[in-house]
PDB file of N, CA and C in Angstrom:
ATOM      1  N   MET A   1     106.753 126.755  56.223  1.00  0.00           N
ATOM      2  CA  MET A   1     107.228 126.292  57.515  1.00  0.00           C
ATOM      3  C   MET A   1     108.637 125.740  57.379  1.00  0.00           C
ATOM      4  N   THR A   2     109.340 125.816  58.470  1.00  0.00           N
ATOM      5  CA  THR A   2     110.703 125.325  58.452  1.00  0.00           C
ATOM      6  C   THR A   2     110.732 123.820  58.672  1.00  0.00           C
ATOM      7  N   THR A   3     111.858 123.253  58.408  1.00  0.00           N
ATOM      8  CA  THR A   3     112.028 121.818  58.587  1.00  0.00           C
ATOM      9  C   THR A   3     111.855 121.436  60.054  1.00  0.00           C
ATOM     10  N   ARG A   4     112.330 122.287  60.956  1.00  0.00           N
ATOM     11  CA  ARG A   4     112.181 122.003  62.387  1.00  0.00           C
ATOM     12  C   ARG A   4     110.714 121.963  62.803  1.00  0.00           C
ATOM     13  N   VAL A   5     109.923 122.865  62.279  1.00  0.00           N
ATOM     14  CA  VAL A   5     108.502 122.896  62.613  1.00  0.00           C
ATOM     15  C   VAL A   5     107.826 121.639  62.080  1.00  0.00           C
ATOM     16  N   HIS A   6     108.173 121.248  60.851  1.00  0.00           N
ATOM     17  CA  HIS A   6     107.601 120.031  60.277  1.00  0.00           C
ATOM     18  C   HIS A   6     107.967 118.803  61.115  1.00  0.00           C
ATOM     19  N   LEU A   7     109.219 118.728  61.528  1.00  0.00           N
ATOM     20  CA  LEU A   7     109.650 117.599  62.349  1.00  0.00           C
ATOM     21  C   LEU A   7     108.945 117.585  63.706  1.00  0.00           C
ATOM     22  N   ALA A   8     108.771 118.754  64.291  1.00  0.00           N
ATOM     23  CA  ALA A   8     108.096 118.846  65.582  1.00  0.00           C
ATOM     24  C   ALA A   8     106.636 118.406  65.452  1.00  0.00           C
ATOM     25  N   LEU A   9     105.965 118.826  64.394  1.00  0.00           N
ATOM     26  CA  LEU A   9     104.579 118.426  64.177  1.00  0.00           C
ATOM     27  C   LEU A   9     104.469 116.930  63.923  1.00  0.00           C
ATOM     28  N   LEU A  10     105.394 116.388  63.141  1.00  0.00           N
ATOM     29  CA  LEU A  10     105.399 114.958  62.863  1.00  0.00           C
ATOM     30  C   LEU A  10     105.631 114.162  64.145  1.00  0.00           C
ATOM     31  N   LEU A  11     106.570 114.593  64.959  1.00  0.00           N
ATOM     32  CA  LEU A  11     106.855 113.914  66.221  1.00  0.00           C
ATOM     33  C   LEU A  11     105.638 113.963  67.144  1.00  0.00           C
ATOM     34  N   ALA A  12     104.996 115.115  67.232  1.00  0.00           N
ATOM     35  CA  ALA A  12     103.806 115.244  68.080  1.00  0.00           C
ATOM     36  C   ALA A  12     102.696 114.315  67.594  1.00  0.00           C
ATOM     37  N   ALA A  13     102.512 114.211  66.294  1.00  0.00           N
ATOM     38  CA  ALA A  13     101.480 113.329  65.747  1.00  0.00           C
ATOM     39  C   ALA A  13     101.796 111.865  66.047  1.00  0.00           C
ATOM     40  N   LEU A  14     103.055 111.493  65.917  1.00  0.00           N
ATOM     41  CA  LEU A  14     103.445 110.112  66.191  1.00  0.00           C
ATOM     42  C   LEU A  14     103.295 109.760  67.666  1.00  0.00           C
ATOM     43  N   LEU A  15     103.595 110.696  68.541  1.00  0.00           N
ATOM     44  CA  LEU A  15     103.463 110.449  69.973  1.00  0.00           C
ATOM     45  C   LEU A  15     102.004 110.326  70.380  1.00  0.00           C
ATOM     46  N   ALA A  16     101.101 110.938  69.660  1.00  0.00           N
ATOM     47  CA  ALA A  16      99.677 110.887  69.985  1.00  0.00           C
ATOM     48  C   ALA A  16      99.026 109.588  69.522  1.00  0.00           C
ATOM     49  N   LEU A  17      99.642 108.840  68.622  1.00  0.00           N
ATOM     50  CA  LEU A  17      99.038 107.623  68.089  1.00  0.00           C
ATOM     51  C   LEU A  17      98.688 106.586  69.147  1.00  0.00           C
ATOM     52  N   PRO A  18      99.584 106.247  70.087  1.00  0.00           N
ATOM     53  CA  PRO A  18      99.210 105.243  71.089  1.00  0.00           C
ATOM     54  C   PRO A  18      97.999 105.661  71.913  1.00  0.00           C
ATOM     55  N   VAL A  19      97.883 106.923  72.243  1.00  0.00           N
ATOM     56  CA  VAL A  19      96.739 107.410  73.010  1.00  0.00           C
ATOM     57  C   VAL A  19      95.470 107.266  72.185  1.00  0.00           C
ATOM     58  N   ALA A  20      95.517 107.637  70.940  1.00  0.00           N
ATOM     59  CA  ALA A  20      94.349 107.527  70.073  1.00  0.00           C
ATOM     60  C   ALA A  20      93.931 106.069  69.919  1.00  0.00           C
ATOM     61  N   ASN A  21      94.897 105.172  69.774  1.00  0.00           N
ATOM     62  CA  ASN A  21      94.570 103.753  69.634  1.00  0.00           C
ATOM     63  C   ASN A  21      93.937 103.199  70.896  1.00  0.00           C
ATOM     64  N   ALA A  22      94.422 103.606  72.072  1.00  0.00           N
ATOM     65  CA  ALA A  22      93.848 103.123  73.329  1.00  0.00           C
ATOM     66  C   ALA A  22      92.411 103.600  73.473  1.00  0.00           C
ATOM     67  N   GLU A  23      92.138 104.843  73.117  1.00  0.00           N
ATOM     68  CA  GLU A  23      90.784 105.363  73.205  1.00  0.00           C
ATOM     69  C   GLU A  23      89.873 104.714  72.180  1.00  0.00           C
ATOM     70  N   ALA A  24      90.399 104.353  71.032  1.00  0.00           N
ATOM     71  CA  ALA A  24      89.595 103.745  69.977  1.00  0.00           C
ATOM     72  C   ALA A  24      89.108 102.363  70.387  1.00  0.00           C
ATOM     73  N   ARG A  25      89.831 101.701  71.278  1.00  0.00           N
ATOM     74  CA  ARG A  25      89.421 100.374  71.731  1.00  0.00           C
ATOM     75  C   ARG A  25      88.161 100.443  72.571  1.00  0.00           C
ATOM     76  N   GLY A  26      87.872 101.593  73.129  1.00  0.00           N
ATOM     77  CA  GLY A  26      86.661 101.760  73.917  1.00  0.00           C
ATOM     78  C   GLY A  26      86.811 101.268  75.340  1.00  0.00           C
ATOM     79  N   PRO A  27      85.691 101.257  76.065  1.00  0.00           N
ATOM     80  CA  PRO A  27      85.732 100.835  77.466  1.00  0.00           C
ATOM     81  C   PRO A  27      85.961  99.342  77.600  1.00  0.00           C
ATOM     82  N   TRP A  28      86.266  98.936  78.820  1.00  0.00           N
ATOM     83  CA  TRP A  28      86.518  97.530  79.120  1.00  0.00           C
ATOM     84  C   TRP A  28      85.333  96.687  78.687  1.00  0.00           C
ATOM     85  N   ARG A  29      85.610  95.541  78.143  1.00  0.00           N
ATOM     86  CA  ARG A  29      84.566  94.617  77.701  1.00  0.00           C
ATOM     87  C   ARG A  29      84.691  93.307  78.462  1.00  0.00           C
ATOM     88  N   ALA A  30      83.567  92.836  78.944  1.00  0.00           N
ATOM     89  CA  ALA A  30      83.536  91.530  79.595  1.00  0.00           C
ATOM     90  C   ALA A  30      83.747  90.456  78.537  1.00  0.00           C
ATOM     91  N   GLY A  31      84.419  89.390  78.912  1.00  0.00           N
ATOM     92  CA  GLY A  31      84.663  88.298  77.978  1.00  0.00           C
ATOM     93  C   GLY A  31      85.045  87.032  78.718  1.00  0.00           C
ATOM     94  N   GLU A  32      85.200  85.958  77.976  1.00  0.00           N
ATOM     95  CA  GLU A  32      85.478  84.663  78.603  1.00  0.00           C
ATOM     96  C   GLU A  32      86.795  84.631  79.357  1.00  0.00           C
ATOM     97  N   ASN A  33      87.738  85.481  79.000  1.00  0.00           N
ATOM     98  CA  ASN A  33      89.040  85.480  79.671  1.00  0.00           C
ATOM     99  C   ASN A  33      89.090  86.373  80.906  1.00  0.00           C
ATOM    100  N   ASN A  34      88.047  87.189  81.126  1.00  0.00           N
ATOM    101  CA  ASN A  34      88.099  88.096  82.267  1.00  0.00           C
ATOM    102  C   ASN A  34      86.809  88.125  83.093  1.00  0.00           C
ATOM    103  N   THR A  35      85.892  87.197  82.821  1.00  0.00           N
ATOM    104  CA  THR A  35      84.619  87.211  83.537  1.00  0.00           C
ATOM    105  C   THR A  35      84.341  85.835  84.134  1.00  0.00           C
ATOM    106  N   ARG A  36      84.236  85.815  85.428  1.00  0.00           N
ATOM    107  CA  ARG A  36      83.972  84.559  86.124  1.00  0.00           C
ATOM    108  C   ARG A  36      82.590  84.035  85.739  1.00  0.00           C
ATOM    109  N   GLY A  37      82.538  82.807  85.262  1.00  0.00           N
ATOM    110  CA  GLY A  37      81.277  82.184  84.890  1.00  0.00           C
ATOM    111  C   GLY A  37      80.755  82.576  83.517  1.00  0.00           C
ATOM    112  N   TRP A  38      81.603  83.153  82.694  1.00  0.00           N
ATOM    113  CA  TRP A  38      81.187  83.597  81.353  1.00  0.00           C
ATOM    114  C   TRP A  38      80.457  82.496  80.593  1.00  0.00           C
ATOM    115  N   ASP A  39      81.003  81.308  80.639  1.00  0.00           N
ATOM    116  CA  ASP A  39      80.413  80.192  79.890  1.00  0.00           C
ATOM    117  C   ASP A  39      79.129  79.669  80.532  1.00  0.00           C
ATOM    118  N   LEU A  40      78.788  80.151  81.730  1.00  0.00           N
ATOM    119  CA  LEU A  40      77.555  79.745  82.397  1.00  0.00           C
ATOM    120  C   LEU A  40      76.453  80.792  82.257  1.00  0.00           C
ATOM    121  N   MET A  41      76.735  81.859  81.547  1.00  0.00           N
ATOM    122  CA  MET A  41      75.785  82.959  81.368  1.00  0.00           C
ATOM    123  C   MET A  41      75.173  82.912  79.971  1.00  0.00           C
ATOM    124  N   THR A  42      73.933  83.377  79.866  1.00  0.00           N
ATOM    125  CA  THR A  42      73.301  83.499  78.553  1.00  0.00           C
ATOM    126  C   THR A  42      73.858  84.747  77.881  1.00  0.00           C
ATOM    127  N   PRO A  43      73.712  84.874  76.566  1.00  0.00           N
ATOM    128  CA  PRO A  43      74.158  86.097  75.889  1.00  0.00           C
ATOM    129  C   PRO A  43      73.513  87.355  76.488  1.00  0.00           C
ATOM    130  N   GLU A  44      72.260  87.260  76.861  1.00  0.00           N
ATOM    131  CA  GLU A  44      71.576  88.420  77.460  1.00  0.00           C
ATOM    132  C   GLU A  44      72.181  88.771  78.817  1.00  0.00           C
ATOM    133  N   GLU A  45      72.495  87.739  79.605  1.00  0.00           N
ATOM    134  CA  GLU A  45      73.111  87.981  80.909  1.00  0.00           C
ATOM    135  C   GLU A  45      74.494  88.603  80.758  1.00  0.00           C
ATOM    136  N   ARG A  46      75.220  88.196  79.745  1.00  0.00           N
ATOM    137  CA  ARG A  46      76.552  88.762  79.510  1.00  0.00           C
ATOM    138  C   ARG A  46      76.452  90.249  79.207  1.00  0.00           C
ATOM    139  N   ILE A  47      75.494  90.627  78.388  1.00  0.00           N
ATOM    140  CA  ILE A  47      75.303  92.042  78.041  1.00  0.00           C
ATOM    141  C   ILE A  47      74.910  92.839  79.283  1.00  0.00           C
ATOM    142  N   GLU A  48      73.963  92.297  80.058  1.00  0.00           N
ATOM    143  CA  GLU A  48      73.519  92.971  81.272  1.00  0.00           C
ATOM    144  C   GLU A  48      74.667  93.098  82.281  1.00  0.00           C
ATOM    145  N   HIS A  49      75.453  92.041  82.423  1.00  0.00           N
ATOM    146  CA  HIS A  49      76.599  92.034  83.344  1.00  0.00           C
ATOM    147  C   HIS A  49      77.579  93.143  82.968  1.00  0.00           C
ATOM    148  N   GLN A  50      77.918  93.223  81.717  1.00  0.00           N
ATOM    149  CA  GLN A  50      78.858  94.247  81.265  1.00  0.00           C
ATOM    150  C   GLN A  50      78.299  95.646  81.505  1.00  0.00           C
ATOM    151  N   ALA A  51      77.022  95.845  81.220  1.00  0.00           N
ATOM    152  CA  ALA A  51      76.403  97.158  81.424  1.00  0.00           C
ATOM    153  C   ALA A  51      76.418  97.540  82.907  1.00  0.00           C
ATOM    154  N   ARG A  52      76.121  96.584  83.769  1.00  0.00           N
ATOM    155  CA  ARG A  52      76.124  96.875  85.207  1.00  0.00           C
ATOM    156  C   ARG A  52      77.520  97.250  85.687  1.00  0.00           C
ATOM    157  N   ILE A  53      78.515  96.510  85.237  1.00  0.00           N
ATOM    158  CA  ILE A  53      79.886  96.794  85.652  1.00  0.00           C
ATOM    159  C   ILE A  53      80.288  98.205  85.229  1.00  0.00           C
ATOM    160  N   ARG A  54      79.965  98.564  84.030  1.00  0.00           N
ATOM    161  CA  ARG A  54      80.314  99.896  83.527  1.00  0.00           C
ATOM    162  C   ARG A  54      79.564 101.002  84.259  1.00  0.00           C
ATOM    163  N   GLY A  55      78.437 100.670  84.866  1.00  0.00           N
ATOM    164  CA  GLY A  55      77.618 101.688  85.514  1.00  0.00           C
ATOM    165  C   GLY A  55      78.000 102.024  86.940  1.00  0.00           C
ATOM    166  N   PHE A  56      78.833 101.232  87.572  1.00  0.00           N
ATOM    167  CA  PHE A  56      79.181 101.496  88.963  1.00  0.00           C
ATOM    168  C   PHE A  56      80.078 102.727  89.076  1.00  0.00           C
ATOM    169  N   THR A  57      79.739 103.580  90.055  1.00  0.00           N
ATOM    170  CA  THR A  57      80.559 104.761  90.305  1.00  0.00           C
ATOM    171  C   THR A  57      81.126 104.771  91.717  1.00  0.00           C
ATOM    172  N   THR A  58      80.659 103.851  92.557  1.00  0.00           N
ATOM    173  CA  THR A  58      81.193 103.750  93.916  1.00  0.00           C
ATOM    174  C   THR A  58      81.509 102.286  94.227  1.00  0.00           C
ATOM    175  N   LEU A  59      82.408 102.100  95.146  1.00  0.00           N
ATOM    176  CA  LEU A  59      82.910 100.763  95.454  1.00  0.00           C
ATOM    177  C   LEU A  59      81.904  99.834  96.136  1.00  0.00           C
ATOM    178  N   PRO A  60      81.180 100.248  97.174  1.00  0.00           N
ATOM    179  CA  PRO A  60      80.309  99.293  97.878  1.00  0.00           C
ATOM    180  C   PRO A  60      79.279  98.575  96.984  1.00  0.00           C
ATOM    181  N   PRO A  61      78.542  99.270  96.114  1.00  0.00           N
ATOM    182  CA  PRO A  61      77.598  98.531  95.273  1.00  0.00           C
ATOM    183  C   PRO A  61      78.296  97.589  94.292  1.00  0.00           C
ATOM    184  N   CYS A  62      79.454  97.973  93.825  1.00  0.00           N
ATOM    185  CA  CYS A  62      80.218  97.122  92.908  1.00  0.00           C
ATOM    186  C   CYS A  62      80.640  95.843  93.617  1.00  0.00           C
ATOM    187  N   LEU A  63      81.147  95.980  94.835  1.00  0.00           N
ATOM    188  CA  LEU A  63      81.576  94.805  95.597  1.00  0.00           C
ATOM    189  C   LEU A  63      80.397  93.885  95.899  1.00  0.00           C
ATOM    190  N   ALA A  64      79.245  94.472  96.239  1.00  0.00           N
ATOM    191  CA  ALA A  64      78.056  93.666  96.535  1.00  0.00           C
ATOM    192  C   ALA A  64      77.607  92.907  95.287  1.00  0.00           C
ATOM    193  N   TYR A  65      77.611  93.577  94.145  1.00  0.00           N
ATOM    194  CA  TYR A  65      77.214  92.912  92.906  1.00  0.00           C
ATOM    195  C   TYR A  65      78.198  91.799  92.560  1.00  0.00           C
ATOM    196  N   ARG A  66      79.496  92.095  92.706  1.00  0.00           N
ATOM    197  CA  ARG A  66      80.515  91.095  92.390  1.00  0.00           C
ATOM    198  C   ARG A  66      80.328  89.849  93.252  1.00  0.00           C
ATOM    199  N   GLU A  67      80.082  90.038  94.547  1.00  0.00           N
ATOM    200  CA  GLU A  67      79.877  88.904  95.447  1.00  0.00           C
ATOM    201  C   GLU A  67      78.637  88.100  95.029  1.00  0.00           C
ATOM    202  N   GLU A  68      77.562  88.784  94.725  1.00  0.00           N
ATOM    203  CA  GLU A  68      76.326  88.113  94.290  1.00  0.00           C
ATOM    204  C   GLU A  68      76.547  87.354  92.979  1.00  0.00           C
ATOM    205  N   HIS A  69      77.239  87.990  92.035  1.00  0.00           N
ATOM    206  CA  HIS A  69      77.513  87.354  90.739  1.00  0.00           C
ATOM    207  C   HIS A  69      78.367  86.096  90.923  1.00  0.00           C
ATOM    208  N   HIS A  70      79.400  86.186  91.742  1.00  0.00           N
ATOM    209  CA  HIS A  70      80.271  85.029  91.970  1.00  0.00           C
ATOM    210  C   HIS A  70      79.509  83.889  92.638  1.00  0.00           C
ATOM    211  N   ARG A  71      78.659  84.237  93.598  1.00  0.00           N
ATOM    212  CA  ARG A  71      77.853  83.215  94.268  1.00  0.00           C
ATOM    213  C   ARG A  71      76.938  82.499  93.264  1.00  0.00           C
ATOM    214  N   LEU A  72      76.296  83.269  92.386  1.00  0.00           N
ATOM    215  CA  LEU A  72      75.406  82.694  91.382  1.00  0.00           C
ATOM    216  C   LEU A  72      76.179  81.791  90.420  1.00  0.00           C
ATOM    217  N   MET A  73      77.350  82.229  89.990  1.00  0.00           N
ATOM    218  CA  MET A  73      78.139  81.426  89.047  1.00  0.00           C
ATOM    219  C   MET A  73      78.647  80.144  89.717  1.00  0.00           C
ATOM    220  N   GLU A  74      79.012  80.231  91.009  1.00  0.00           N
ATOM    221  CA  GLU A  74      79.437  79.028  91.740  1.00  0.00           C
ATOM    222  C   GLU A  74      78.287  78.032  91.853  1.00  0.00           C
ATOM    223  N   GLN A  75      77.087  78.543  92.109  1.00  0.00           N
ATOM    224  CA  GLN A  75      75.905  77.682  92.201  1.00  0.00           C
ATOM    225  C   GLN A  75      75.637  77.001  90.862  1.00  0.00           C
ATOM    226  N   ARG A  76      75.690  77.751  89.775  1.00  0.00           N
ATOM    227  CA  ARG A  76      75.455  77.165  88.453  1.00  0.00           C
ATOM    228  C   ARG A  76      76.507  76.109  88.112  1.00  0.00           C
ATOM    229  N   ALA A  77      77.747  76.385  88.470  1.00  0.00           N
ATOM    230  CA  ALA A  77      78.820  75.418  88.189  1.00  0.00           C
ATOM    231  C   ALA A  77      78.575  74.121  88.960  1.00  0.00           C
ATOM    232  N   ARG A  78      78.190  74.233  90.235  1.00  0.00           N
ATOM    233  CA  ARG A  78      77.884  73.037  91.035  1.00  0.00           C
ATOM    234  C   ARG A  78      76.732  72.253  90.417  1.00  0.00           C
ATOM    235  N   GLU A  79      75.665  72.957  90.033  1.00  0.00           N
ATOM    236  CA  GLU A  79      74.487  72.294  89.453  1.00  0.00           C
ATOM    237  C   GLU A  79      74.827  71.562  88.157  1.00  0.00           C
ATOM    238  N   ARG A  80      75.741  72.107  87.403  1.00  0.00           N
ATOM    239  CA  ARG A  80      76.101  71.505  86.112  1.00  0.00           C
ATOM    240  C   ARG A  80      77.290  70.562  86.220  1.00  0.00           C
ATOM    241  N   GLY A  81      77.889  70.498  87.389  1.00  0.00           N
ATOM    242  CA  GLY A  81      79.029  69.606  87.593  1.00  0.00           C
ATOM    243  C   GLY A  81      80.262  70.000  86.815  1.00  0.00           C
ATOM    244  N   VAL A  82      80.482  71.309  86.687  1.00  0.00           N
ATOM    245  CA  VAL A  82      81.654  71.799  85.952  1.00  0.00           C
ATOM    246  C   VAL A  82      82.515  72.655  86.875  1.00  0.00           C
ATOM    247  N   ALA A  83      83.764  72.792  86.486  1.00  0.00           N
ATOM    248  CA  ALA A  83      84.673  73.650  87.241  1.00  0.00           C
ATOM    249  C   ALA A  83      84.421  75.100  86.844  1.00  0.00           C
ATOM    250  N   LEU A  84      84.454  75.973  87.821  1.00  0.00           N
ATOM    251  CA  LEU A  84      84.255  77.403  87.569  1.00  0.00           C
ATOM    252  C   LEU A  84      85.603  78.045  87.304  1.00  0.00           C
ATOM    253  N   ARG A  85      85.743  78.586  86.106  1.00  0.00           N
ATOM    254  CA  ARG A  85      86.982  79.294  85.774  1.00  0.00           C
ATOM    255  C   ARG A  85      86.925  80.688  86.385  1.00  0.00           C
ATOM    256  N   GLY A  86      88.059  81.149  86.847  1.00  0.00           N
ATOM    257  CA  GLY A  86      88.128  82.466  87.459  1.00  0.00           C
ATOM    258  C   GLY A  86      88.217  83.573  86.431  1.00  0.00           C
ATOM    259  N   GLY A  87      87.888  84.776  86.868  1.00  0.00           N
ATOM    260  CA  GLY A  87      88.017  85.951  86.014  1.00  0.00           C
ATOM    261  C   GLY A  87      89.448  86.431  85.988  1.00  0.00           C
ATOM    262  N   GLY A  88      89.760  87.256  85.032  1.00  0.00           N
ATOM    263  CA  GLY A  88      91.126  87.729  84.855  1.00  0.00           C
ATOM    264  C   GLY A  88      91.479  88.980  85.620  1.00  0.00           C
ATOM    265  N   ARG A  89      90.460  89.727  86.095  1.00  0.00           N
ATOM    266  CA  ARG A  89      90.765  90.953  86.820  1.00  0.00           C
ATOM    267  C   ARG A  89      89.615  91.305  87.743  1.00  0.00           C
ATOM    268  N   ASP A  90      89.897  92.168  88.687  1.00  0.00           N
ATOM    269  CA  ASP A  90      88.880  92.648  89.617  1.00  0.00           C
ATOM    270  C   ASP A  90      88.188  93.844  88.982  1.00  0.00           C
ATOM    271  N   PHE A  91      86.942  93.674  88.571  1.00  0.00           N
ATOM    272  CA  PHE A  91      86.269  94.759  87.860  1.00  0.00           C
ATOM    273  C   PHE A  91      85.865  95.910  88.771  1.00  0.00           C
ATOM    274  N   CYS A  92      86.058  95.778  90.070  1.00  0.00           N
ATOM    275  CA  CYS A  92      85.788  96.878  90.995  1.00  0.00           C
ATOM    276  C   CYS A  92      87.064  97.655  91.348  1.00  0.00           C
ATOM    277  N   ALA A  93      88.206  97.183  90.905  1.00  0.00           N
ATOM    278  CA  ALA A  93      89.488  97.783  91.305  1.00  0.00           C
ATOM    279  C   ALA A  93      89.591  99.261  90.958  1.00  0.00           C
ATOM    280  N   HIS A  94      88.989  99.664  89.842  1.00  0.00           N
ATOM    281  CA  HIS A  94      89.089 101.076  89.450  1.00  0.00           C
ATOM    282  C   HIS A  94      88.319 101.993  90.396  1.00  0.00           C
ATOM    283  N   LEU A  95      87.528 101.420  91.283  1.00  0.00           N
ATOM    284  CA  LEU A  95      86.771 102.197  92.263  1.00  0.00           C
ATOM    285  C   LEU A  95      87.404 102.145  93.648  1.00  0.00           C
ATOM    286  N   SER A  96      88.639 101.668  93.728  1.00  0.00           N
ATOM    287  CA  SER A  96      89.303 101.528  95.021  1.00  0.00           C
ATOM    288  C   SER A  96      89.417 102.873  95.717  1.00  0.00           C
ATOM    289  N   ALA A  97      89.770 102.851  96.983  1.00  0.00           N
ATOM    290  CA  ALA A  97      89.784 104.041  97.827  1.00  0.00           C
ATOM    291  C   ALA A  97      90.549 105.212  97.209  1.00  0.00           C
ATOM    292  N   ASP A  98      91.669 104.949  96.592  1.00  0.00           N
ATOM    293  CA  ASP A  98      92.469 106.047  96.037  1.00  0.00           C
ATOM    294  C   ASP A  98      91.963 106.506  94.679  1.00  0.00           C
ATOM    295  N   LYS A  99      90.979 105.809  94.091  1.00  0.00           N
ATOM    296  CA  LYS A  99      90.478 106.185  92.777  1.00  0.00           C
ATOM    297  C   LYS A  99      88.973 106.395  92.791  1.00  0.00           C
ATOM    298  N   ALA A 100      88.375 106.467  93.970  1.00  0.00           N
ATOM    299  CA  ALA A 100      86.915 106.558  94.079  1.00  0.00           C
ATOM    300  C   ALA A 100      86.386 107.798  93.389  1.00  0.00           C
ATOM    301  N   VAL A 101      85.256 107.655  92.724  1.00  0.00           N
ATOM    302  CA  VAL A 101      84.603 108.762  92.041  1.00  0.00           C
ATOM    303  C   VAL A 101      84.051 109.715  93.080  1.00  0.00           C
ATOM    304  N   GLY A 102      84.180 110.999  92.824  1.00  0.00           N
ATOM    305  CA  GLY A 102      83.650 111.995  93.741  1.00  0.00           C
ATOM    306  C   GLY A 102      84.617 112.376  94.832  1.00  0.00           C
ATOM    307  N   GLY A 103      85.806 111.803  94.811  1.00  0.00           N
ATOM    308  CA  GLY A 103      86.834 112.188  95.755  1.00  0.00           C
ATOM    309  C   GLY A 103      86.691 111.613  97.160  1.00  0.00           C
ATOM    310  N   THR A 104      85.690 110.776  97.385  1.00  0.00           N
ATOM    311  CA  THR A 104      85.559 110.176  98.711  1.00  0.00           C
ATOM    312  C   THR A 104      86.247 108.844  98.739  1.00  0.00           C
ATOM    313  N   LYS A 105      86.783 108.522  99.870  1.00  0.00           N
ATOM    314  CA  LYS A 105      87.480 107.243  99.991  1.00  0.00           C
ATOM    315  C   LYS A 105      86.489 106.172 100.392  1.00  0.00           C
ATOM    316  N   ALA A 106      86.475 105.108  99.615  1.00  0.00           N
ATOM    317  CA  ALA A 106      85.609 103.968  99.922  1.00  0.00           C
ATOM    318  C   ALA A 106      86.413 102.944 100.697  1.00  0.00           C
ATOM    319  N   ARG A 107      85.788 102.339 101.670  1.00  0.00           N
ATOM    320  CA  ARG A 107      86.480 101.311 102.459  1.00  0.00           C
ATOM    321  C   ARG A 107      85.668 100.066 102.495  1.00  0.00           C
TER     322      ARG A 107
END
């Protein structure tokens, strides 16, 4: 092979590294910095919460679950007399109208 071909292959491999690293991190993970009420949940509830979030394919059920989860965490915080820390992101955002699974717009 020529030097140009070697350089082109090397460049292509280097450009692919960031994509490979992003995929290696896997899907989004719930954690104390991005989940409202994380410290008020049991380890089992945290696992179930993450699994449910990953399972949503349409916006309405995700929004309903999010509202129910937030209400439950607010109730637990009141009962324990602690401040409820907010989550870092909207876990339903990826299901917004322009990104809805199945090509239908959710409102």
